[in-house]
Every structure is written in structure tokens, then in C-alpha cells.
Amino acid sequence: MSDAPNKTSEGSAESKINMKPNFGFLRSLPGILMAVNIVLLFIAWVIMAGWKDNNIYFYSLSGHVSYFLFATITPWLVLCILFIVFIFKIHTKIPIDWPLTLCLNCAIWIILLLISSIIIANDARKYNTYSGFGSDALGAASAFGFLACVGLVIQAFFHFREYRNPV
């Protein structure tokens, strides 16, 4: 009878997933770039959400603002999830080509974010003459959108290079 609990406890110990964080990923270039992009996207959508909540002229730009929020919040969520996946080494359990997947993911978000940042920058330029419109916040949000685009381009480049030259 004493043998049965030992066998089940050994089997359950082997089946447990090792969830120790990989802090080496934070010191690697992909980890740093992912963290920087998470911060830039977060700042961009927080500025835009603050402008939206504090501005009475929101109704005239609701489609543009909603698209910008979609183009910043969605990749932010995706990058946060991927960041957690890579820190806890969950990606080793999923058999896909991670460098290619991350490169294509970055490319899609670059295109959507670039378009939305251009639209918001144009709105900031167009409504700059109206006092109280808050075009400074629109300009700041689009600037952080452009900075996030640059960060995503750099991240996509390194993922593509890793895809072309596997270690």
C-alpha cells in the first residue's frame, strides 16, 4: 500500500510544468525591444484615451480615434501575452516557427499603426487652430504611435534576421 502513493506522487511531479521565469529573456535584444514597444504602445493609447474622455469634440473624430485605439490596444495586448509566453518559456511547448510568426505579427501591426498615426496626426494638424480642442494630445498620441512603429520595425527586423539565420 505504501508503494502506490509514491508512484502517483512521482508521476505527478514529472507532469508538472516548470513555471520559473526566464529573466535572461529580459536582457536579450528581443526582450528589450518587446518591453520598449509595450511601453510605447501603452503611452500612445493612454494619451488618446485621455483626450477622448476630456474632449467635447470627440464626436467629430470618433471613427479616427476608435481606429487608433484599436491599432494601439490590440498589439499592446498581443505583445503583453507574448512577453509572458517568452518569460515563462511556454513558447518551447508550442511547435511553431516563432521568429517568422513574430516578424509577421510585427509587420501587420506596423501597417495598421502607421495608418492610424497618420490619420491622427492629420487631425491634430487640421484642428490645431481651434482653442480648447486638445490637438496637442492628438499630436502626442500620434508621435508615440510613430515611435511604436519604429520600435516594431526594429523588432521585426531582428525576428526576420533570426528566421533567416537560425542559431
Protein backbone atom coordinates (compact mmCIF):
# COMPACT_ATOMS: atom_id res chain seq x y z
CA MET A 1 0.00 0.00 0.00
CA SER A 2 2.87 2.36 0.67
CA ASP A 3 4.14 1.86 -2.91
CA ALA A 4 1.01 3.28 -4.57
CA PRO A 5 1.24 6.83 -3.15
CA ASN A 6 4.91 7.05 -4.06
CA LYS A 7 4.26 6.11 -7.67
CA THR A 8 1.46 8.66 -8.07
CA SER A 9 3.49 11.38 -6.41
CA GLU A 10 6.44 10.69 -8.74
CA GLY A 11 4.17 10.73 -11.78
CA SER A 12 2.55 13.99 -10.75
CA ALA A 13 5.95 15.60 -10.11
CA GLU A 14 7.07 14.70 -13.65
CA SER A 15 3.90 16.07 -15.22
CA LYS A 16 4.18 19.48 -13.57
CA ILE A 17 5.22 22.34 -15.82
CA ASN A 18 8.29 24.28 -14.76
CA MET A 19 6.98 27.85 -14.45
CA LYS A 20 10.19 29.54 -13.35
CA PRO A 21 10.60 32.88 -15.13
CA ASN A 22 13.39 33.27 -17.67
CA PHE A 23 14.84 36.65 -16.74
CA GLY A 24 17.55 36.13 -19.37
CA PHE A 25 14.88 36.99 -21.95
CA LEU A 26 14.59 40.45 -20.38
CA ARG A 27 18.30 41.04 -21.00
CA SER A 28 18.18 39.84 -24.61
CA LEU A 29 17.59 42.21 -27.53
CA PRO A 30 14.16 40.72 -28.45
CA GLY A 31 13.07 41.03 -24.82
CA ILE A 32 14.22 44.64 -24.55
CA LEU A 33 12.56 45.57 -27.85
CA MET A 34 9.32 43.89 -26.83
CA ALA A 35 9.32 45.73 -23.49
CA VAL A 36 10.04 49.08 -25.19
CA ASN A 37 7.22 48.52 -27.69
CA ILE A 38 4.82 47.59 -24.89
CA VAL A 39 5.65 50.86 -23.12
CA LEU A 40 5.37 52.99 -26.29
CA LEU A 41 2.02 51.47 -27.27
CA PHE A 42 0.74 51.91 -23.73
CA ILE A 43 1.68 55.59 -23.67
CA ALA A 44 0.09 56.17 -27.09
CA TRP A 45 -3.27 54.68 -26.19
CA VAL A 46 -3.37 56.23 -22.73
CA ILE A 47 -2.84 59.71 -24.22
CA MET A 48 -5.56 59.09 -26.80
CA ALA A 49 -7.98 57.66 -24.22
CA GLY A 50 -7.37 60.68 -22.00
CA TRP A 51 -8.03 63.04 -24.92
CA LYS A 52 -11.21 61.16 -25.79
CA ASP A 53 -12.56 61.34 -22.24
CA ASN A 54 -11.76 65.03 -21.76
CA ASN A 55 -12.85 66.44 -25.10
CA ILE A 56 -16.31 67.53 -26.14
CA TYR A 57 -15.36 67.44 -29.84
CA PHE A 58 -14.85 63.68 -29.76
CA TYR A 59 -17.97 63.01 -31.84
CA SER A 60 -16.41 64.57 -34.96
CA LEU A 61 -13.41 62.21 -34.83
CA SER A 62 -14.94 59.14 -33.23
CA GLY A 63 -14.03 56.80 -36.11
CA HIS A 64 -10.43 58.01 -36.27
CA VAL A 65 -9.96 57.81 -32.52
CA SER A 66 -11.57 54.36 -32.31
CA TYR A 67 -9.29 53.06 -35.07
CA PHE A 68 -6.22 54.50 -33.35
CA LEU A 69 -7.26 52.91 -30.06
CA PHE A 70 -7.77 49.58 -31.83
CA ALA A 71 -4.38 49.89 -33.53
CA THR A 72 -2.62 50.55 -30.23
CA ILE A 73 -4.52 48.47 -27.65
CA THR A 74 -4.69 45.24 -29.64
CA PRO A 75 -0.95 44.96 -30.38
CA TRP A 76 -0.27 46.03 -26.80
CA LEU A 77 -2.35 43.10 -25.55
CA VAL A 78 -0.74 40.70 -28.03
CA LEU A 79 2.77 41.81 -27.07
CA CYS A 80 1.95 41.53 -23.35
CA ILE A 81 0.74 37.97 -23.86
CA LEU A 82 3.78 37.09 -25.96
CA PHE A 83 6.04 38.69 -23.35
CA ILE A 84 4.57 36.41 -20.69
CA VAL A 85 4.82 33.41 -23.02
CA PHE A 86 8.52 34.06 -23.58
CA ILE A 87 9.37 34.88 -19.96
CA PHE A 88 7.85 31.62 -18.73
CA LYS A 89 9.25 29.59 -21.69
CA ILE A 90 5.80 28.48 -22.78
CA HIS A 91 6.88 29.01 -26.40
CA THR A 92 9.10 25.93 -26.17
CA LYS A 93 5.96 23.79 -25.76
CA ILE A 94 4.26 25.21 -28.88
CA PRO A 95 5.74 23.85 -32.12
CA ILE A 96 5.58 26.83 -34.47
CA ASP A 97 8.24 28.92 -36.17
CA TRP A 98 8.40 31.73 -33.59
CA PRO A 99 10.75 34.13 -35.41
CA LEU A 100 8.60 34.09 -38.57
CA THR A 101 5.36 34.36 -36.57
CA LEU A 102 6.66 37.33 -34.58
CA CYS A 103 8.00 39.03 -37.72
CA LEU A 104 4.65 38.73 -39.50
CA ASN A 105 2.82 39.87 -36.36
CA CYS A 106 5.02 42.97 -36.16
CA ALA A 107 4.53 43.67 -39.89
CA ILE A 108 0.74 43.61 -39.59
CA TRP A 109 0.75 45.94 -36.59
CA ILE A 110 3.23 48.29 -38.26
CA ILE A 111 0.90 48.81 -41.20
CA LEU A 112 -2.23 49.34 -39.08
CA LEU A 113 -0.46 51.60 -36.58
CA LEU A 114 1.21 53.67 -39.27
CA ILE A 115 -2.12 54.33 -41.00
CA SER A 116 -3.85 55.27 -37.74
CA SER A 117 -0.97 57.51 -36.61
CA ILE A 118 -1.03 59.35 -39.94
CA ILE A 119 -4.78 59.92 -39.64
CA ILE A 120 -4.48 61.23 -36.07
CA ALA A 121 -1.51 63.44 -36.98
CA ASN A 122 -3.57 64.93 -39.82
CA ASP A 123 -6.45 65.58 -37.42
CA ALA A 124 -4.07 67.27 -34.98
CA ARG A 125 -2.79 69.49 -37.81
CA LYS A 126 -6.28 70.26 -39.09
CA TYR A 127 -7.75 71.22 -35.72
CA ASN A 128 -4.65 72.99 -34.36
CA THR A 129 -6.23 76.44 -34.83
CA TYR A 130 -9.23 75.71 -32.58
CA SER A 131 -8.58 76.59 -28.97
CA GLY A 132 -9.60 74.02 -26.41
CA PHE A 133 -9.63 71.19 -28.92
CA GLY A 134 -6.61 69.46 -27.44
CA SER A 135 -4.70 68.99 -30.65
CA ASP A 136 -1.50 68.78 -28.58
CA ALA A 137 -2.72 65.50 -27.11
CA LEU A 138 -3.61 64.23 -30.58
CA GLY A 139 -0.12 65.15 -31.78
CA ALA A 140 1.49 63.45 -28.80
CA ALA A 141 -0.56 60.28 -29.30
CA SER A 142 0.37 60.15 -32.99
CA ALA A 143 4.04 60.80 -32.13
CA PHE A 144 4.08 57.85 -29.76
CA GLY A 145 2.28 55.84 -32.45
CA PHE A 146 5.08 56.66 -34.88
CA LEU A 147 7.71 55.79 -32.26
CA ALA A 148 5.97 52.46 -31.67
CA CYS A 149 6.05 51.88 -35.45
CA VAL A 150 9.81 52.44 -35.44
CA GLY A 151 10.19 50.08 -32.49
CA LEU A 152 8.09 47.43 -34.22
CA VAL A 153 10.14 47.80 -37.42
CA ILE A 154 13.33 47.20 -35.46
CA GLN A 155 11.77 44.24 -33.66
CA ALA A 156 10.52 42.78 -36.97
CA PHE A 157 13.99 43.19 -38.48
CA PHE A 158 15.62 41.21 -35.69
CA HIS A 159 12.95 38.49 -35.85
CA PHE A 160 13.42 38.26 -39.62
CA ARG A 161 17.19 38.05 -39.19
CA GLU A 162 16.70 35.29 -36.62
CA TYR A 163 14.38 33.49 -39.04
CA ARG A 164 16.90 33.69 -41.90
CA ASN A 165 19.89 32.68 -39.74
CA PRO A 166 18.67 30.22 -37.09
CA VAL A 167 21.08 29.63 -34.24
